[in-house]
C-alpha cells in the first residue's frame, strides 16, 4: 500500500507522525509495531518480541523486490530496537 501511495495508509502514517515521502518510509521497529497494531489486523496484535522475531524470520525483502523495493538499515545504532530502517524503492 505504501508503494502505491494509498491515501488511507498515508493518512494513518500522518496520524502516527511517520517520516516518509514518495520514495521511502523510515521507522524503528517499535514504531512499526505500534503502527501495525493500530491497524487492528489480527496478524499484528502480538507482543513486540514476537512481532520482531516473525519479521526477521520472514522473506519480506524477497517479496518487496518483486515490487522494486526493499527494507534496509537507514541509521545503524548497533541495536535492532533503536536503529532506523527504511522501506525504499530500488
PDB file of N, CA and C in Angstrom:
ATOM      1  N   UNK A   1       0.822  -1.196   0.000  1.00  0.00           N
ATOM      2  CA  UNK A   1       0.000   0.000   0.000  1.00  0.00           C
ATOM      3  C   UNK A   1       0.868   1.263   0.000  1.00  0.00           C
ATOM      4  N   UNK A   2       1.995   1.209   0.740  1.00  0.00           N
ATOM      5  CA  UNK A   2       2.868   2.378   0.745  1.00  0.00           C
ATOM      6  C   UNK A   2       3.448   2.634  -0.641  1.00  0.00           C
ATOM      7  N   UNK A   3       3.902   1.591  -1.297  1.00  0.00           N
ATOM      8  CA  UNK A   3       4.497   1.751  -2.625  1.00  0.00           C
ATOM      9  C   UNK A   3       3.505   2.317  -3.631  1.00  0.00           C
ATOM     10  N   UNK A   4       2.244   2.028  -3.408  1.00  0.00           N
ATOM     11  CA  UNK A   4       1.187   2.554  -4.280  1.00  0.00           C
ATOM     12  C   UNK A   4       0.707   3.928  -3.822  1.00  0.00           C
ATOM     13  N   UNK A   5       1.281   4.433  -2.715  1.00  0.00           N
ATOM     14  CA  UNK A   5       0.905   5.720  -2.141  1.00  0.00           C
ATOM     15  C   UNK A   5      -0.596   5.788  -1.849  1.00  0.00           C
ATOM     16  N   UNK A   6      -1.093   4.703  -1.247  1.00  0.00           N
ATOM     17  CA  UNK A   6      -2.500   4.610  -0.865  1.00  0.00           C
ATOM     18  C   UNK A   6      -2.847   5.726   0.122  1.00  0.00           C
ATOM     19  N   UNK A   7      -3.845   6.530  -0.218  1.00  0.00           N
ATOM     20  CA  UNK A   7      -4.214   7.705   0.589  1.00  0.00           C
ATOM     21  C   UNK A   7      -4.621   7.336   2.012  1.00  0.00           C
ATOM     22  N   UNK A   8      -5.358   6.246   2.181  1.00  0.00           N
ATOM     23  CA  UNK A   8      -5.790   5.874   3.537  1.00  0.00           C
ATOM     24  C   UNK A   8      -4.583   5.489   4.394  1.00  0.00           C
ATOM     25  N   UNK A   9      -3.622   4.814   3.804  1.00  0.00           N
ATOM     26  CA  UNK A   9      -2.411   4.467   4.547  1.00  0.00           C
ATOM     27  C   UNK A   9      -1.611   5.721   4.875  1.00  0.00           C
ATOM     28  N   UNK A  10      -1.459   6.617   3.929  1.00  0.00           N
ATOM     29  CA  UNK A  10      -0.693   7.842   4.173  1.00  0.00           C
ATOM     30  C   UNK A  10      -1.336   8.679   5.266  1.00  0.00           C
ATOM     31  N   UNK A  11      -2.652   8.693   5.319  1.00  0.00           N
ATOM     32  CA  UNK A  11      -3.363   9.410   6.386  1.00  0.00           C
ATOM     33  C   UNK A  11      -3.032   8.792   7.736  1.00  0.00           C
ATOM     34  N   UNK A  12      -3.032   7.460   7.799  1.00  0.00           N
ATOM     35  CA  UNK A  12      -2.695   6.779   9.057  1.00  0.00           C
ATOM     36  C   UNK A  12      -1.243   7.039   9.441  1.00  0.00           C
ATOM     37  N   UNK A  13      -0.342   7.057   8.457  1.00  0.00           N
ATOM     38  CA  UNK A  13       1.061   7.366   8.755  1.00  0.00           C
ATOM     39  C   UNK A  13       1.195   8.770   9.330  1.00  0.00           C
ATOM     40  N   UNK A  14       0.452   9.710   8.762  1.00  0.00           N
ATOM     41  CA  UNK A  14       0.461  11.086   9.279  1.00  0.00           C
ATOM     42  C   UNK A  14      -0.016  11.129  10.730  1.00  0.00           C
ATOM     43  N   UNK A  15      -1.028  10.347  11.046  1.00  0.00           N
ATOM     44  CA  UNK A  15      -1.565  10.312  12.407  1.00  0.00           C
ATOM     45  C   UNK A  15      -0.556   9.746  13.399  1.00  0.00           C
ATOM     46  N   UNK A  16       0.411   8.993  12.901  1.00  0.00           N
ATOM     47  CA  UNK A  16       1.443   8.407  13.760  1.00  0.00           C
ATOM     48  C   UNK A  16       2.786   9.140  13.636  1.00  0.00           C
ATOM     49  N   UNK A  17       2.745  10.329  13.063  1.00  0.00           N
ATOM     50  CA  UNK A  17       3.957  11.148  12.891  1.00  0.00           C
ATOM     51  C   UNK A  17       5.082  10.398  12.194  1.00  0.00           C
ATOM     52  N   UNK A  18       4.722   9.578  11.221  1.00  0.00           N
ATOM     53  CA  UNK A  18       5.713   8.796  10.484  1.00  0.00           C
ATOM     54  C   UNK A  18       6.517   9.695   9.555  1.00  0.00           C
ATOM     55  N   UNK A  19       7.778   9.317   9.359  1.00  0.00           N
ATOM     56  CA  UNK A  19       8.663  10.034   8.442  1.00  0.00           C
ATOM     57  C   UNK A  19       8.655   9.310   7.108  1.00  0.00           C
ATOM     58  N   UNK A  20       8.105   9.967   6.093  1.00  0.00           N
ATOM     59  CA  UNK A  20       8.031   9.338   4.778  1.00  0.00           C
ATOM     60  C   UNK A  20       7.942  10.402   3.700  1.00  0.00           C
ATOM     61  N   UNK A  21       8.241   9.984   2.485  1.00  0.00           N
ATOM     62  CA  UNK A  21       7.971  10.778   1.296  1.00  0.00           C
ATOM     63  C   UNK A  21       7.537   9.793   0.215  1.00  0.00           C
ATOM     64  N   UNK A  22       7.510  10.196  -1.018  1.00  0.00           N
ATOM     65  CA  UNK A  22       7.012   9.307  -2.068  1.00  0.00           C
ATOM     66  C   UNK A  22       7.919   8.111  -2.318  1.00  0.00           C
ATOM     67  N   UNK A  23       9.166   8.212  -1.923  1.00  0.00           N
ATOM     68  CA  UNK A  23      10.133   7.159  -2.228  1.00  0.00           C
ATOM     69  C   UNK A  23      10.488   6.266  -1.045  1.00  0.00           C
ATOM     70  N   UNK A  24      10.284   6.749   0.182  1.00  0.00           N
ATOM     71  CA  UNK A  24      10.716   5.958   1.337  1.00  0.00           C
ATOM     72  C   UNK A  24       9.924   6.278   2.596  1.00  0.00           C
ATOM     73  N   UNK A  25       9.962   5.295   3.512  1.00  0.00           N
ATOM     74  CA  UNK A  25       9.303   5.411   4.811  1.00  0.00           C
ATOM     75  C   UNK A  25      10.322   4.955   5.843  1.00  0.00           C
ATOM     76  N   UNK A  26      10.671   5.815   6.791  1.00  0.00           N
ATOM     77  CA  UNK A  26      11.653   5.493   7.830  1.00  0.00           C
ATOM     78  C   UNK A  26      10.932   5.174   9.143  1.00  0.00           C
ATOM     79  N   UNK A  27      11.463   4.193   9.865  1.00  0.00           N
ATOM     80  CA  UNK A  27      10.834   3.772  11.121  1.00  0.00           C
ATOM     81  C   UNK A  27      11.814   2.964  11.957  1.00  0.00           C
ATOM     82  N   UNK A  28      11.558   2.937  13.249  1.00  0.00           N
ATOM     83  CA  UNK A  28      12.216   1.974  14.128  1.00  0.00           C
ATOM     84  C   UNK A  28      11.273   0.780  14.227  1.00  0.00           C
ATOM     85  N   UNK A  29      11.776  -0.331  14.683  1.00  0.00           N
ATOM     86  CA  UNK A  29      10.896  -1.495  14.820  1.00  0.00           C
ATOM     87  C   UNK A  29       9.790  -1.266  15.846  1.00  0.00           C
ATOM     88  N   UNK A  30      10.075  -0.619  16.998  1.00  0.00           N
ATOM     89  CA  UNK A  30       8.961  -0.328  17.913  1.00  0.00           C
ATOM     90  C   UNK A  30       7.910   0.581  17.282  1.00  0.00           C
ATOM     91  N   UNK A  31       8.329   1.557  16.478  1.00  0.00           N
ATOM     92  CA  UNK A  31       7.363   2.417  15.792  1.00  0.00           C
ATOM     93  C   UNK A  31       6.528   1.618  14.798  1.00  0.00           C
ATOM     94  N   UNK A  32       7.186   0.743  14.054  1.00  0.00           N
ATOM     95  CA  UNK A  32       6.468  -0.082  13.088  1.00  0.00           C
ATOM     96  C   UNK A  32       5.464  -0.990  13.794  1.00  0.00           C
ATOM     97  N   UNK A  33       5.878  -1.594  14.891  1.00  0.00           N
ATOM     98  CA  UNK A  33       4.980  -2.459  15.656  1.00  0.00           C
ATOM     99  C   UNK A  33       3.766  -1.678  16.152  1.00  0.00           C
ATOM    100  N   UNK A  34       4.011  -0.514  16.705  1.00  0.00           N
ATOM    101  CA  UNK A  34       2.917   0.323  17.200  1.00  0.00           C
ATOM    102  C   UNK A  34       1.962   0.684  16.070  1.00  0.00           C
ATOM    103  N   UNK A  35       2.517   1.061  14.932  1.00  0.00           N
ATOM    104  CA  UNK A  35       1.672   1.403  13.784  1.00  0.00           C
ATOM    105  C   UNK A  35       0.868   0.193  13.319  1.00  0.00           C
ATOM    106  N   UNK A  36       1.523  -0.941  13.180  1.00  0.00           N
ATOM    107  CA  UNK A  36       0.833  -2.135  12.693  1.00  0.00           C
ATOM    108  C   UNK A  36      -0.274  -2.563  13.662  1.00  0.00           C
ATOM    109  N   UNK A  37      -0.028  -2.423  14.951  1.00  0.00           N
ATOM    110  CA  UNK A  37      -1.081  -2.757  15.908  1.00  0.00           C
ATOM    111  C   UNK A  37      -2.284  -1.827  15.769  1.00  0.00           C
ATOM    112  N   UNK A  38      -2.032  -0.594  15.395  1.00  0.00           N
ATOM    113  CA  UNK A  38      -3.139   0.365  15.259  1.00  0.00           C
ATOM    114  C   UNK A  38      -4.074   0.006  14.111  1.00  0.00           C
ATOM    115  N   UNK A  39      -3.633  -0.842  13.191  1.00  0.00           N
ATOM    116  CA  UNK A  39      -4.489  -1.253  12.078  1.00  0.00           C
ATOM    117  C   UNK A  39      -5.551  -2.249  12.531  1.00  0.00           C
ATOM    118  N   UNK A  40      -5.358  -2.810  13.719  1.00  0.00           N
ATOM    119  CA  UNK A  40      -6.274  -3.809  14.297  1.00  0.00           C
ATOM    120  C   UNK A  40      -6.325  -5.101  13.487  1.00  0.00           C
ATOM    121  N   UNK A  41      -5.362  -5.304  12.630  1.00  0.00           N
ATOM    122  CA  UNK A  41      -5.258  -6.560  11.887  1.00  0.00           C
ATOM    123  C   UNK A  41      -4.812  -7.636  12.879  1.00  0.00           C
ATOM    124  N   UNK A  42      -5.549  -8.730  13.016  1.00  0.00           N
ATOM    125  CA  UNK A  42      -5.198  -9.771  13.980  1.00  0.00           C
ATOM    126  C   UNK A  42      -3.773 -10.318  13.812  1.00  0.00           C
ATOM    127  N   UNK A  43      -3.244 -10.253  12.611  1.00  0.00           N
ATOM    128  CA  UNK A  43      -1.870 -10.720  12.383  1.00  0.00           C
ATOM    129  C   UNK A  43      -0.848  -9.916  13.170  1.00  0.00           C
ATOM    130  N   UNK A  44      -1.179  -8.674  13.494  1.00  0.00           N
ATOM    131  CA  UNK A  44      -0.220  -7.791  14.156  1.00  0.00           C
ATOM    132  C   UNK A  44      -0.544  -7.519  15.617  1.00  0.00           C
ATOM    133  N   UNK A  45      -1.588  -8.101  16.126  1.00  0.00           N
ATOM    134  CA  UNK A  45      -1.941  -7.908  17.525  1.00  0.00           C
ATOM    135  C   UNK A  45      -1.195  -8.924  18.384  1.00  0.00           C
ATOM    136  N   UNK A  46       0.119  -8.846  18.307  1.00  0.00           N
ATOM    137  CA  UNK A  46       1.003  -9.764  19.025  1.00  0.00           C
ATOM    138  C   UNK A  46       2.024  -8.930  19.795  1.00  0.00           C
ATOM    139  N   UNK A  47       2.609  -9.506  20.829  1.00  0.00           N
ATOM    140  CA  UNK A  47       3.629  -8.771  21.590  1.00  0.00           C
ATOM    141  C   UNK A  47       4.816  -8.381  20.699  1.00  0.00           C
ATOM    142  N   UNK A  48       5.480  -7.304  21.087  1.00  0.00           N
ATOM    143  CA  UNK A  48       6.580  -6.769  20.293  1.00  0.00           C
ATOM    144  C   UNK A  48       7.658  -7.810  19.985  1.00  0.00           C
ATOM    145  N   UNK A  49       8.091  -8.560  20.980  1.00  0.00           N
ATOM    146  CA  UNK A  49       9.156  -9.542  20.763  1.00  0.00           C
ATOM    147  C   UNK A  49       8.760 -10.581  19.711  1.00  0.00           C
ATOM    148  N   UNK A  50       7.519 -10.991  19.738  1.00  0.00           N
ATOM    149  CA  UNK A  50       7.012 -11.951  18.756  1.00  0.00           C
ATOM    150  C   UNK A  50       6.953 -11.311  17.357  1.00  0.00           C
ATOM    151  N   UNK A  51       6.517 -10.057  17.314  1.00  0.00           N
ATOM    152  CA  UNK A  51       6.480  -9.308  16.058  1.00  0.00           C
ATOM    153  C   UNK A  51       7.882  -9.210  15.448  1.00  0.00           C
ATOM    154  N   UNK A  52       8.836  -8.829  16.266  1.00  0.00           N
ATOM    155  CA  UNK A  52      10.219  -8.671  15.798  1.00  0.00           C
ATOM    156  C   UNK A  52      10.778  -9.992  15.286  1.00  0.00           C
ATOM    157  N   UNK A  53      10.549 -11.058  16.019  1.00  0.00           N
ATOM    158  CA  UNK A  53      11.031 -12.380  15.610  1.00  0.00           C
ATOM    159  C   UNK A  53      10.415 -12.797  14.274  1.00  0.00           C
ATOM    160  N   UNK A  54       9.111 -12.604  14.123  1.00  0.00           N
ATOM    161  CA  UNK A  54       8.458 -13.014  12.879  1.00  0.00           C
ATOM    162  C   UNK A  54       8.926 -12.160  11.702  1.00  0.00           C
ATOM    163  N   UNK A  55       9.205 -10.897  11.956  1.00  0.00           N
ATOM    164  CA  UNK A  55       9.698 -10.016  10.898  1.00  0.00           C
ATOM    165  C   UNK A  55      11.075 -10.472  10.409  1.00  0.00           C
ATOM    166  N   UNK A  56      11.961 -10.769  11.337  1.00  0.00           N
ATOM    167  CA  UNK A  56      13.311 -11.194  10.952  1.00  0.00           C
ATOM    168  C   UNK A  56      13.332 -12.580  10.318  1.00  0.00           C
ATOM    169  N   UNK A  57      12.339 -13.392  10.620  1.00  0.00           N
ATOM    170  CA  UNK A  57      12.265 -14.732  10.034  1.00  0.00           C
ATOM    171  C   UNK A  57      11.456 -14.773   8.742  1.00  0.00           C
ATOM    172  N   UNK A  58      11.005 -13.614   8.286  1.00  0.00           N
ATOM    173  CA  UNK A  58      10.172 -13.576   7.082  1.00  0.00           C
ATOM    174  C   UNK A  58      11.035 -13.365   5.831  1.00  0.00           C
ATOM    175  N   UNK A  59      10.411 -13.532   4.696  1.00  0.00           N
ATOM    176  CA  UNK A  59      11.093 -13.277   3.428  1.00  0.00           C
ATOM    177  C   UNK A  59      10.586 -11.964   2.819  1.00  0.00           C
ATOM    178  N   UNK A  60      10.377 -10.977   3.677  1.00  0.00           N
ATOM    179  CA  UNK A  60       9.766  -9.723   3.240  1.00  0.00           C
ATOM    180  C   UNK A  60      10.568  -9.027   2.138  1.00  0.00           C
ATOM    181  N   UNK A  61      11.902  -9.012   2.239  1.00  0.00           N
ATOM    182  CA  UNK A  61      12.674  -8.347   1.193  1.00  0.00           C
ATOM    183  C   UNK A  61      12.562  -9.076  -0.140  1.00  0.00           C
ATOM    184  N   UNK A  62      12.454 -10.380  -0.091  1.00  0.00           N
ATOM    185  CA  UNK A  62      12.260 -11.140  -1.336  1.00  0.00           C
ATOM    186  C   UNK A  62      10.940 -10.722  -1.980  1.00  0.00           C
ATOM    187  N   UNK A  63       9.908 -10.602  -1.160  1.00  0.00           N
ATOM    188  CA  UNK A  63       8.598 -10.192  -1.666  1.00  0.00           C
ATOM    189  C   UNK A  63       8.619  -8.746  -2.159  1.00  0.00           C
ATOM    190  N   UNK A  64       9.322  -7.878  -1.441  1.00  0.00           N
ATOM    191  CA  UNK A  64       9.381  -6.476  -1.839  1.00  0.00           C
ATOM    192  C   UNK A  64      10.150  -6.272  -3.143  1.00  0.00           C
ATOM    193  N   UNK A  65      11.188  -7.076  -3.363  1.00  0.00           N
ATOM    194  CA  UNK A  65      11.978  -6.922  -4.594  1.00  0.00           C
ATOM    195  C   UNK A  65      11.136  -7.141  -5.843  1.00  0.00           C
ATOM    196  N   UNK A  66      10.103  -7.960  -5.733  1.00  0.00           N
ATOM    197  CA  UNK A  66       9.179  -8.150  -6.856  1.00  0.00           C
ATOM    198  C   UNK A  66       8.555  -6.811  -7.242  1.00  0.00           C
ATOM    199  N   UNK A  67       8.358  -5.954  -6.239  1.00  0.00           N
ATOM    200  CA  UNK A  67       7.776  -4.622  -6.458  1.00  0.00           C
ATOM    201  C   UNK A  67       8.843  -3.524  -6.507  1.00  0.00           C
ATOM    202  N   UNK A  68      10.089  -3.945  -6.737  1.00  0.00           N
ATOM    203  CA  UNK A  68      11.208  -3.000  -6.844  1.00  0.00           C
ATOM    204  C   UNK A  68      11.355  -2.130  -5.594  1.00  0.00           C
ATOM    205  N   UNK A  69      11.372  -2.806  -4.437  1.00  0.00           N
ATOM    206  CA  UNK A  69      11.540  -2.114  -3.161  1.00  0.00           C
ATOM    207  C   UNK A  69      12.309  -3.026  -2.201  1.00  0.00           C
ATOM    208  N   UNK A  70      12.730  -2.449  -1.082  1.00  0.00           N
ATOM    209  CA  UNK A  70      13.414  -3.225  -0.044  1.00  0.00           C
ATOM    210  C   UNK A  70      13.309  -2.503   1.289  1.00  0.00           C
ATOM    211  N   UNK A  71      13.563  -3.266   2.346  1.00  0.00           N
ATOM    212  CA  UNK A  71      13.750  -2.672   3.667  1.00  0.00           C
ATOM    213  C   UNK A  71      15.238  -2.773   3.961  1.00  0.00           C
ATOM    214  N   UNK A  72      15.822  -1.645   4.335  1.00  0.00           N
ATOM    215  CA  UNK A  72      17.255  -1.575   4.600  1.00  0.00           C
ATOM    216  C   UNK A  72      17.481  -0.811   5.904  1.00  0.00           C
ATOM    217  N   UNK A  73      18.696  -0.904   6.413  1.00  0.00           N
ATOM    218  CA  UNK A  73      19.069  -0.118   7.592  1.00  0.00           C
ATOM    219  C   UNK A  73      19.368   1.297   7.125  1.00  0.00           C
ATOM    220  N   UNK A  74      18.725   2.271   7.753  1.00  0.00           N
ATOM    221  CA  UNK A  74      18.914   3.682   7.428  1.00  0.00           C
ATOM    222  C   UNK A  74      19.926   4.312   8.377  1.00  0.00           C
ATOM    223  N   UNK A  75      19.790   4.000   9.675  1.00  0.00           N
ATOM    224  CA  UNK A  75      20.685   4.532  10.708  1.00  0.00           C
ATOM    225  C   UNK A  75      20.976   3.409  11.696  1.00  0.00           C
ATOM    226  N   UNK A  76      22.164   2.825  11.590  1.00  0.00           N
ATOM    227  CA  UNK A  76      22.537   1.684  12.423  1.00  0.00           C
ATOM    228  C   UNK A  76      23.004   2.164  13.792  1.00  0.00           C
ATOM    229  N   UNK A  77      22.245   1.835  14.814  1.00  0.00           N
ATOM    230  CA  UNK A  77      22.568   2.201  16.198  1.00  0.00           C
ATOM    231  C   UNK A  77      23.120   1.011  16.974  1.00  0.00           C
ATOM    232  N   UNK A  78      23.494  -0.043  16.255  1.00  0.00           N
ATOM    233  CA  UNK A  78      24.036  -1.266  16.859  1.00  0.00           C
ATOM    234  C   UNK A  78      23.039  -1.969  17.777  1.00  0.00           C
ATOM    235  N   UNK A  79      21.754  -1.676  17.586  1.00  0.00           N
ATOM    236  CA  UNK A  79      20.696  -2.300  18.363  1.00  0.00           C
ATOM    237  C   UNK A  79      19.444  -2.294  17.482  1.00  0.00           C
ATOM    238  N   UNK A  80      18.864  -3.468  17.264  1.00  0.00           N
ATOM    239  CA  UNK A  80      17.713  -3.551  16.341  1.00  0.00           C
ATOM    240  C   UNK A  80      16.525  -2.719  16.806  1.00  0.00           C
ATOM    241  N   UNK A  81      16.410  -2.459  18.098  1.00  0.00           N
ATOM    242  CA  UNK A  81      15.269  -1.704  18.606  1.00  0.00           C
ATOM    243  C   UNK A  81      15.446  -0.193  18.459  1.00  0.00           C
ATOM    244  N   UNK A  82      16.670   0.270  18.341  1.00  0.00           N
ATOM    245  CA  UNK A  82      16.897   1.715  18.237  1.00  0.00           C
ATOM    246  C   UNK A  82      17.391   2.143  16.851  1.00  0.00           C
ATOM    247  N   UNK A  83      17.806   1.190  16.038  1.00  0.00           N
ATOM    248  CA  UNK A  83      18.210   1.520  14.667  1.00  0.00           C
ATOM    249  C   UNK A  83      16.989   1.944  13.873  1.00  0.00           C
ATOM    250  N   UNK A  84      17.227   2.757  12.859  1.00  0.00           N
ATOM    251  CA  UNK A  84      16.151   3.192  11.972  1.00  0.00           C
ATOM    252  C   UNK A  84      16.259   2.419  10.671  1.00  0.00           C
ATOM    253  N   UNK A  85      15.121   1.970  10.188  1.00  0.00           N
ATOM    254  CA  UNK A  85      15.042   1.196   8.945  1.00  0.00           C
ATOM    255  C   UNK A  85      14.278   2.032   7.921  1.00  0.00           C
ATOM    256  N   UNK A  86      14.400   1.644   6.680  1.00  0.00           N
ATOM    257  CA  UNK A  86      13.725   2.369   5.624  1.00  0.00           C
ATOM    258  C   UNK A  86      13.114   1.379   4.632  1.00  0.00           C
ATOM    259  N   UNK A  87      11.870   1.613   4.305  1.00  0.00           N
ATOM    260  CA  UNK A  87      11.228   0.930   3.186  1.00  0.00           C
ATOM    261  C   UNK A  87      11.428   1.871   2.020  1.00  0.00           C
ATOM    262  N   UNK A  88      12.176   1.411   1.009  1.00  0.00           N
ATOM    263  CA  UNK A  88      12.525   2.307  -0.090  1.00  0.00           C
ATOM    264  C   UNK A  88      12.379   1.619  -1.438  1.00  0.00           C
ATOM    265  N   UNK A  89      12.159   2.440  -2.426  1.00  0.00           N
ATOM    266  CA  UNK A  89      12.124   1.942  -3.811  1.00  0.00           C
ATOM    267  C   UNK A  89      13.554   1.672  -4.261  1.00  0.00           C
ATOM    268  N   UNK A  90      13.693   0.680  -5.106  1.00  0.00           N
ATOM    269  CA  UNK A  90      15.024   0.380  -5.657  1.00  0.00           C
ATOM    270  C   UNK A  90      15.241   1.154  -6.944  1.00  0.00           C
TER     271      UNK A  90
END
